[in-house]
Amino acid sequence: MKVDRLYRRAFLPLALGAMLVVSSGASAQPQTQPTQPTTLRPPSSSDTAKPPKFRMYFTVLVIGLLMLGANGIPTKRGHQD
């Protein structure tokens, strides 16, 4: 019974240690150096689609009308005037 408990307690650290040993060999490999330096360039797009102007103008119009409508709501001030 005691051996079984000892085995269960030691299994997780031993398994993690084995994984660390196996993975450390892969990370310690030297990286290959490129023969020529490469310059990074942004990707070129062949199609520059214009945003739909109707939808933009409609959205601005709706937001503007909502702002004017909210401004036009009368305030209830009561007897404190």
PDB file of N, CA and C in Angstrom:
ATOM      1  N   MET A   1       0.818  -1.189   0.000  1.00  0.00           N
ATOM      2  CA  MET A   1       0.000   0.000   0.000  1.00  0.00           C
ATOM      3  C   MET A   1       0.864   1.256   0.000  1.00  0.00           C
ATOM      4  N   LYS A   2       1.920   1.265   0.799  1.00  0.00           N
ATOM      5  CA  LYS A   2       2.787   2.437   0.864  1.00  0.00           C
ATOM      6  C   LYS A   2       3.561   2.624  -0.436  1.00  0.00           C
ATOM      7  N   VAL A   3       3.914   1.540  -1.077  1.00  0.00           N
ATOM      8  CA  VAL A   3       4.653   1.625  -2.336  1.00  0.00           C
ATOM      9  C   VAL A   3       3.764   2.214  -3.415  1.00  0.00           C
ATOM     10  N   ASP A   4       2.500   1.867  -3.394  1.00  0.00           N
ATOM     11  CA  ASP A   4       1.552   2.389  -4.380  1.00  0.00           C
ATOM     12  C   ASP A   4       1.387   3.904  -4.218  1.00  0.00           C
ATOM     13  N   ARG A   5       1.294   4.381  -2.996  1.00  0.00           N
ATOM     14  CA  ARG A   5       1.186   5.823  -2.766  1.00  0.00           C
ATOM     15  C   ARG A   5       2.452   6.550  -3.202  1.00  0.00           C
ATOM     16  N   LEU A   6       3.583   5.950  -2.886  1.00  0.00           N
ATOM     17  CA  LEU A   6       4.858   6.562  -3.280  1.00  0.00           C
ATOM     18  C   LEU A   6       4.962   6.647  -4.791  1.00  0.00           C
ATOM     19  N   TYR A   7       4.515   5.595  -5.467  1.00  0.00           N
ATOM     20  CA  TYR A   7       4.543   5.598  -6.930  1.00  0.00           C
ATOM     21  C   TYR A   7       3.644   6.683  -7.488  1.00  0.00           C
ATOM     22  N   ARG A   8       2.456   6.857  -6.924  1.00  0.00           N
ATOM     23  CA  ARG A   8       1.526   7.880  -7.404  1.00  0.00           C
ATOM     24  C   ARG A   8       2.065   9.278  -7.156  1.00  0.00           C
ATOM     25  N   ARG A   9       2.714   9.498  -6.026  1.00  0.00           N
ATOM     26  CA  ARG A   9       3.263  10.817  -5.723  1.00  0.00           C
ATOM     27  C   ARG A   9       4.475  11.142  -6.589  1.00  0.00           C
ATOM     28  N   ALA A  10       5.232  10.137  -6.961  1.00  0.00           N
ATOM     29  CA  ALA A  10       6.453  10.370  -7.734  1.00  0.00           C
ATOM     30  C   ALA A  10       6.198  10.372  -9.233  1.00  0.00           C
ATOM     31  N   PHE A  11       5.046   9.900  -9.665  1.00  0.00           N
ATOM     32  CA  PHE A  11       4.805   9.784 -11.100  1.00  0.00           C
ATOM     33  C   PHE A  11       4.759  11.136 -11.801  1.00  0.00           C
ATOM     34  N   LEU A  12       4.026  12.097 -11.250  1.00  0.00           N
ATOM     35  CA  LEU A  12       3.881  13.389 -11.905  1.00  0.00           C
ATOM     36  C   LEU A  12       5.212  14.136 -12.024  1.00  0.00           C
ATOM     37  N   PRO A  13       5.999  14.255 -10.951  1.00  0.00           N
ATOM     38  CA  PRO A  13       7.296  14.929 -11.118  1.00  0.00           C
ATOM     39  C   PRO A  13       8.229  14.204 -12.085  1.00  0.00           C
ATOM     40  N   LEU A  14       8.202  12.887 -12.068  1.00  0.00           N
ATOM     41  CA  LEU A  14       9.059  12.145 -12.995  1.00  0.00           C
ATOM     42  C   LEU A  14       8.601  12.324 -14.437  1.00  0.00           C
ATOM     43  N   ALA A  15       7.303  12.335 -14.648  1.00  0.00           N
ATOM     44  CA  ALA A  15       6.785  12.529 -16.006  1.00  0.00           C
ATOM     45  C   ALA A  15       7.108  13.930 -16.507  1.00  0.00           C
ATOM     46  N   LEU A  16       6.943  14.950 -15.647  1.00  0.00           N
ATOM     47  CA  LEU A  16       7.278  16.315 -16.058  1.00  0.00           C
ATOM     48  C   LEU A  16       8.767  16.460 -16.316  1.00  0.00           C
ATOM     49  N   GLY A  17       9.581  15.826 -15.483  1.00  0.00           N
ATOM     50  CA  GLY A  17      11.033  15.876 -15.695  1.00  0.00           C
ATOM     51  C   GLY A  17      11.435  15.222 -16.999  1.00  0.00           C
ATOM     52  N   ALA A  18      10.801  14.110 -17.326  1.00  0.00           N
ATOM     53  CA  ALA A  18      11.107  13.441 -18.590  1.00  0.00           C
ATOM     54  C   ALA A  18      10.712  14.308 -19.776  1.00  0.00           C
ATOM     55  N   MET A  19       9.575  15.001 -19.669  1.00  0.00           N
ATOM     56  CA  MET A  19       9.164  15.882 -20.767  1.00  0.00           C
ATOM     57  C   MET A  19      10.131  17.054 -20.915  1.00  0.00           C
ATOM     58  N   LEU A  20      10.617  17.578 -19.807  1.00  0.00           N
ATOM     59  CA  LEU A  20      11.582  18.678 -19.879  1.00  0.00           C
ATOM     60  C   LEU A  20      12.885  18.233 -20.518  1.00  0.00           C
ATOM     61  N   VAL A  21      13.337  17.032 -20.182  1.00  0.00           N
ATOM     62  CA  VAL A  21      14.583  16.531 -20.760  1.00  0.00           C
ATOM     63  C   VAL A  21      14.433  16.343 -22.265  1.00  0.00           C
ATOM     64  N   VAL A  22      13.310  15.796 -22.690  1.00  0.00           N
ATOM     65  CA  VAL A  22      13.098  15.556 -24.117  1.00  0.00           C
ATOM     66  C   VAL A  22      12.957  16.878 -24.865  1.00  0.00           C
ATOM     67  N   SER A  23      12.249  17.841 -24.289  1.00  0.00           N
ATOM     68  CA  SER A  23      12.023  19.093 -25.011  1.00  0.00           C
ATOM     69  C   SER A  23      13.239  20.010 -24.971  1.00  0.00           C
ATOM     70  N   SER A  24      14.126  19.843 -24.008  1.00  0.00           N
ATOM     71  CA  SER A  24      15.294  20.726 -23.957  1.00  0.00           C
ATOM     72  C   SER A  24      16.249  20.448 -25.106  1.00  0.00           C
ATOM     73  N   GLY A  25      16.283  19.225 -25.574  1.00  0.00           N
ATOM     74  CA  GLY A  25      17.147  18.913 -26.715  1.00  0.00           C
ATOM     75  C   GLY A  25      16.663  19.598 -27.984  1.00  0.00           C
ATOM     76  N   ALA A  26      15.382  19.723 -28.151  1.00  0.00           N
ATOM     77  CA  ALA A  26      14.841  20.362 -29.340  1.00  0.00           C
ATOM     78  C   ALA A  26      15.077  21.870 -29.310  1.00  0.00           C
ATOM     79  N   SER A  27      15.024  22.471 -28.140  1.00  0.00           N
ATOM     80  CA  SER A  27      15.210  23.916 -28.079  1.00  0.00           C
ATOM     81  C   SER A  27      16.680  24.316 -28.113  1.00  0.00           C
ATOM     82  N   ALA A  28      17.574  23.366 -27.880  1.00  0.00           N
ATOM     83  CA  ALA A  28      18.996  23.695 -27.860  1.00  0.00           C
ATOM     84  C   ALA A  28      19.645  23.562 -29.236  1.00  0.00           C
ATOM     85  N   GLN A  29      18.877  23.242 -30.254  1.00  0.00           N
ATOM     86  CA  GLN A  29      19.440  23.088 -31.594  1.00  0.00           C
ATOM     87  C   GLN A  29      19.809  24.447 -32.161  1.00  0.00           C
ATOM     88  N   PRO A  30      20.956  24.556 -32.819  1.00  0.00           N
ATOM     89  CA  PRO A  30      21.331  25.852 -33.399  1.00  0.00           C
ATOM     90  C   PRO A  30      20.434  26.197 -34.580  1.00  0.00           C
ATOM     91  N   GLN A  31      20.167  27.466 -34.711  1.00  0.00           N
ATOM     92  CA  GLN A  31      19.337  27.907 -35.818  1.00  0.00           C
ATOM     93  C   GLN A  31      20.213  28.090 -37.054  1.00  0.00           C
ATOM     94  N   THR A  32      19.627  27.803 -38.207  1.00  0.00           N
ATOM     95  CA  THR A  32      20.372  27.987 -39.446  1.00  0.00           C
ATOM     96  C   THR A  32      20.326  29.455 -39.836  1.00  0.00           C
ATOM     97  N   GLN A  33      21.444  29.987 -40.236  1.00  0.00           N
ATOM     98  CA  GLN A  33      21.532  31.384 -40.645  1.00  0.00           C
ATOM     99  C   GLN A  33      21.233  31.496 -42.135  1.00  0.00           C
ATOM    100  N   PRO A  34      20.429  32.472 -42.546  1.00  0.00           N
ATOM    101  CA  PRO A  34      20.170  32.640 -43.982  1.00  0.00           C
ATOM    102  C   PRO A  34      21.441  33.108 -44.688  1.00  0.00           C
ATOM    103  N   THR A  35      21.568  32.698 -45.929  1.00  0.00           N
ATOM    104  CA  THR A  35      22.761  33.066 -46.683  1.00  0.00           C
ATOM    105  C   THR A  35      22.734  34.535 -47.090  1.00  0.00           C
ATOM    106  N   GLN A  36      21.572  35.057 -47.417  1.00  0.00           N
ATOM    107  CA  GLN A  36      21.455  36.455 -47.791  1.00  0.00           C
ATOM    108  C   GLN A  36      20.464  37.131 -46.860  1.00  0.00           C
ATOM    109  N   PRO A  37      20.762  38.364 -46.462  1.00  0.00           N
ATOM    110  CA  PRO A  37      19.792  39.050 -45.606  1.00  0.00           C
ATOM    111  C   PRO A  37      18.518  39.346 -46.389  1.00  0.00           C
ATOM    112  N   THR A  38      17.405  39.099 -45.762  1.00  0.00           N
ATOM    113  CA  THR A  38      16.129  39.344 -46.427  1.00  0.00           C
ATOM    114  C   THR A  38      15.544  40.648 -45.901  1.00  0.00           C
ATOM    115  N   THR A  39      14.963  41.413 -46.798  1.00  0.00           N
ATOM    116  CA  THR A  39      14.309  42.646 -46.395  1.00  0.00           C
ATOM    117  C   THR A  39      12.804  42.392 -46.375  1.00  0.00           C
ATOM    118  N   LEU A  40      12.176  42.824 -45.326  1.00  0.00           N
ATOM    119  CA  LEU A  40      10.735  42.644 -45.203  1.00  0.00           C
ATOM    120  C   LEU A  40      10.023  43.801 -45.873  1.00  0.00           C
ATOM    121  N   ARG A  41       9.066  43.460 -46.691  1.00  0.00           N
ATOM    122  CA  ARG A  41       8.266  44.464 -47.390  1.00  0.00           C
ATOM    123  C   ARG A  41       6.807  44.228 -47.072  1.00  0.00           C
ATOM    124  N   PRO A  42       6.036  45.286 -47.003  1.00  0.00           N
ATOM    125  CA  PRO A  42       4.601  45.076 -46.756  1.00  0.00           C
ATOM    126  C   PRO A  42       3.961  44.404 -47.959  1.00  0.00           C
ATOM    127  N   PRO A  43       2.925  43.631 -47.724  1.00  0.00           N
ATOM    128  CA  PRO A  43       2.271  42.962 -48.845  1.00  0.00           C
ATOM    129  C   PRO A  43       1.586  43.969 -49.753  1.00  0.00           C
ATOM    130  N   SER A  44       1.669  43.707 -51.021  1.00  0.00           N
ATOM    131  CA  SER A  44       1.029  44.596 -51.991  1.00  0.00           C
ATOM    132  C   SER A  44      -0.354  44.048 -52.324  1.00  0.00           C
ATOM    133  N   SER A  45      -1.317  44.920 -52.291  1.00  0.00           N
ATOM    134  CA  SER A  45      -2.669  44.483 -52.629  1.00  0.00           C
ATOM    135  C   SER A  45      -2.984  44.934 -54.044  1.00  0.00           C
ATOM    136  N   SER A  46      -3.579  44.041 -54.773  1.00  0.00           N
ATOM    137  CA  SER A  46      -3.900  44.362 -56.161  1.00  0.00           C
ATOM    138  C   SER A  46      -5.243  45.079 -56.261  1.00  0.00           C
ATOM    139  N   ASP A  47      -6.101  44.885 -55.274  1.00  0.00           N
ATOM    140  CA  ASP A  47      -7.428  45.477 -55.324  1.00  0.00           C
ATOM    141  C   ASP A  47      -7.625  46.356 -54.091  1.00  0.00           C
ATOM    142  N   THR A  48      -7.653  47.660 -54.300  1.00  0.00           N
ATOM    143  CA  THR A  48      -7.931  48.572 -53.193  1.00  0.00           C
ATOM    144  C   THR A  48      -9.388  48.984 -53.315  1.00  0.00           C
ATOM    145  N   ALA A  49     -10.237  48.262 -52.629  1.00  0.00           N
ATOM    146  CA  ALA A  49     -11.672  48.513 -52.705  1.00  0.00           C
ATOM    147  C   ALA A  49     -12.007  49.786 -51.953  1.00  0.00           C
ATOM    148  N   LYS A  50     -12.786  50.614 -52.552  1.00  0.00           N
ATOM    149  CA  LYS A  50     -13.233  51.852 -51.917  1.00  0.00           C
ATOM    150  C   LYS A  50     -14.393  51.527 -50.984  1.00  0.00           C
ATOM    151  N   PRO A  51     -14.451  52.160 -49.829  1.00  0.00           N
ATOM    152  CA  PRO A  51     -15.589  51.906 -48.948  1.00  0.00           C
ATOM    153  C   PRO A  51     -16.862  52.478 -49.555  1.00  0.00           C
ATOM    154  N   PRO A  52     -17.985  51.839 -49.320  1.00  0.00           N
ATOM    155  CA  PRO A  52     -19.237  52.333 -49.892  1.00  0.00           C
ATOM    156  C   PRO A  52     -19.627  53.666 -49.253  1.00  0.00           C
ATOM    157  N   LYS A  53     -19.675  54.715 -50.065  1.00  0.00           N
ATOM    158  CA  LYS A  53     -19.953  56.052 -49.543  1.00  0.00           C
ATOM    159  C   LYS A  53     -21.388  56.186 -49.060  1.00  0.00           C
ATOM    160  N   PHE A  54     -22.309  55.502 -49.713  1.00  0.00           N
ATOM    161  CA  PHE A  54     -23.709  55.611 -49.330  1.00  0.00           C
ATOM    162  C   PHE A  54     -23.909  55.154 -47.885  1.00  0.00           C
ATOM    163  N   ARG A  55     -23.273  54.050 -47.530  1.00  0.00           N
ATOM    164  CA  ARG A  55     -23.433  53.527 -46.178  1.00  0.00           C
ATOM    165  C   ARG A  55     -22.785  54.448 -45.152  1.00  0.00           C
ATOM    166  N   MET A  56     -21.642  55.024 -45.477  1.00  0.00           N
ATOM    167  CA  MET A  56     -20.994  55.956 -44.558  1.00  0.00           C
ATOM    168  C   MET A  56     -21.850  57.188 -44.340  1.00  0.00           C
ATOM    169  N   TYR A  57     -22.348  57.782 -45.419  1.00  0.00           N
ATOM    170  CA  TYR A  57     -23.171  58.981 -45.305  1.00  0.00           C
ATOM    171  C   TYR A  57     -24.486  58.675 -44.577  1.00  0.00           C
ATOM    172  N   PHE A  58     -25.062  57.513 -44.832  1.00  0.00           N
ATOM    173  CA  PHE A  58     -26.293  57.136 -44.164  1.00  0.00           C
ATOM    174  C   PHE A  58     -26.067  56.977 -42.662  1.00  0.00           C
ATOM    175  N   THR A  59     -24.948  56.378 -42.280  1.00  0.00           N
ATOM    176  CA  THR A  59     -24.627  56.210 -40.860  1.00  0.00           C
ATOM    177  C   THR A  59     -24.437  57.554 -40.183  1.00  0.00           C
ATOM    178  N   VAL A  60     -23.733  58.483 -40.842  1.00  0.00           N
ATOM    179  CA  VAL A  60     -23.537  59.820 -40.273  1.00  0.00           C
ATOM    180  C   VAL A  60     -24.874  60.540 -40.148  1.00  0.00           C
ATOM    181  N   LEU A  61     -25.732  60.395 -41.130  1.00  0.00           N
ATOM    182  CA  LEU A  61     -27.045  61.034 -41.095  1.00  0.00           C
ATOM    183  C   LEU A  61     -27.896  60.484 -39.948  1.00  0.00           C
ATOM    184  N   VAL A  62     -27.888  59.172 -39.776  1.00  0.00           N
ATOM    185  CA  VAL A  62     -28.677  58.557 -38.703  1.00  0.00           C
ATOM    186  C   VAL A  62     -28.161  58.998 -37.337  1.00  0.00           C
ATOM    187  N   ILE A  63     -26.850  59.012 -37.150  1.00  0.00           N
ATOM    188  CA  ILE A  63     -26.284  59.448 -35.867  1.00  0.00           C
ATOM    189  C   ILE A  63     -26.605  60.910 -35.616  1.00  0.00           C
ATOM    190  N   GLY A  64     -26.509  61.748 -36.644  1.00  0.00           N
ATOM    191  CA  GLY A  64     -26.839  63.159 -36.494  1.00  0.00           C
ATOM    192  C   GLY A  64     -28.294  63.367 -36.139  1.00  0.00           C
ATOM    193  N   LEU A  65     -29.197  62.627 -36.789  1.00  0.00           N
ATOM    194  CA  LEU A  65     -30.620  62.738 -36.467  1.00  0.00           C
ATOM    195  C   LEU A  65     -30.917  62.257 -35.048  1.00  0.00           C
ATOM    196  N   LEU A  66     -30.237  61.218 -34.613  1.00  0.00           N
ATOM    197  CA  LEU A  66     -30.420  60.748 -33.244  1.00  0.00           C
ATOM    198  C   LEU A  66     -29.949  61.789 -32.233  1.00  0.00           C
ATOM    199  N   MET A  67     -28.852  62.469 -32.544  1.00  0.00           N
ATOM    200  CA  MET A  67     -28.359  63.508 -31.636  1.00  0.00           C
ATOM    201  C   MET A  67     -29.333  64.683 -31.593  1.00  0.00           C
ATOM    202  N   LEU A  68     -29.834  65.102 -32.746  1.00  0.00           N
ATOM    203  CA  LEU A  68     -30.801  66.191 -32.762  1.00  0.00           C
ATOM    204  C   LEU A  68     -32.098  65.806 -32.059  1.00  0.00           C
ATOM    205  N   GLY A  69     -32.516  64.573 -32.237  1.00  0.00           N
ATOM    206  CA  GLY A  69     -33.732  64.110 -31.576  1.00  0.00           C
ATOM    207  C   GLY A  69     -33.566  64.059 -30.068  1.00  0.00           C
ATOM    208  N   ALA A  70     -32.411  63.608 -29.594  1.00  0.00           N
ATOM    209  CA  ALA A  70     -32.167  63.577 -28.152  1.00  0.00           C
ATOM    210  C   ALA A  70     -32.085  64.993 -27.589  1.00  0.00           C
ATOM    211  N   ASN A  71     -31.579  65.929 -28.384  1.00  0.00           N
ATOM    212  CA  ASN A  71     -31.490  67.315 -27.936  1.00  0.00           C
ATOM    213  C   ASN A  71     -32.860  67.968 -27.900  1.00  0.00           C
ATOM    214  N   GLY A  72     -33.756  67.496 -28.715  1.00  0.00           N
ATOM    215  CA  GLY A  72     -35.080  68.099 -28.788  1.00  0.00           C
ATOM    216  C   GLY A  72     -36.045  67.598 -27.736  1.00  0.00           C
ATOM    217  N   ILE A  73     -35.675  66.613 -26.947  1.00  0.00           N
ATOM    218  CA  ILE A  73     -36.575  66.105 -25.912  1.00  0.00           C
ATOM    219  C   ILE A  73     -36.703  67.164 -24.810  1.00  0.00           C
ATOM    220  N   PRO A  74     -37.911  67.561 -24.491  1.00  0.00           N
ATOM    221  CA  PRO A  74     -38.060  68.604 -23.463  1.00  0.00           C
ATOM    222  C   PRO A  74     -37.686  68.065 -22.095  1.00  0.00           C
ATOM    223  N   THR A  75     -37.063  68.932 -21.307  1.00  0.00           N
ATOM    224  CA  THR A  75     -36.692  68.535 -19.955  1.00  0.00           C
ATOM    225  C   THR A  75     -37.828  68.838 -19.001  1.00  0.00           C
ATOM    226  N   LYS A  76     -38.046  68.000 -18.068  1.00  0.00           N
ATOM    227  CA  LYS A  76     -39.088  68.223 -17.082  1.00  0.00           C
ATOM    228  C   LYS A  76     -38.418  68.819 -15.843  1.00  0.00           C
ATOM    229  N   ARG A  77     -38.588  70.104 -15.662  1.00  0.00           N
ATOM    230  CA  ARG A  77     -37.892  70.767 -14.575  1.00  0.00           C
ATOM    231  C   ARG A  77     -38.794  70.963 -13.357  1.00  0.00           C
ATOM    232  N   GLY A  78     -40.067  70.940 -13.560  1.00  0.00           N
ATOM    233  CA  GLY A  78     -40.971  71.027 -12.427  1.00  0.00           C
ATOM    234  C   GLY A  78     -41.006  72.402 -11.772  1.00  0.00           C
ATOM    235  N   HIS A  79     -41.189  72.426 -10.473  1.00  0.00           N
ATOM    236  CA  HIS A  79     -41.373  73.662  -9.725  1.00  0.00           C
ATOM    237  C   HIS A  79     -40.062  74.338  -9.323  1.00  0.00           C
ATOM    238  N   GLN A  80     -38.920  73.802  -9.695  1.00  0.00           N
ATOM    239  CA  GLN A  80     -37.652  74.369  -9.252  1.00  0.00           C
ATOM    240  C   GLN A  80     -37.168  75.498 -10.150  1.00  0.00           C
ATOM    241  N   ASP A  81     -37.923  75.910 -11.116  1.00  0.00           N
ATOM    242  CA  ASP A  81     -37.490  77.005 -12.013  1.00  0.00           C
ATOM    243  C   ASP A  81     -37.603  78.338 -11.322  1.00  0.00           C
TER     244      ASP A  81
END
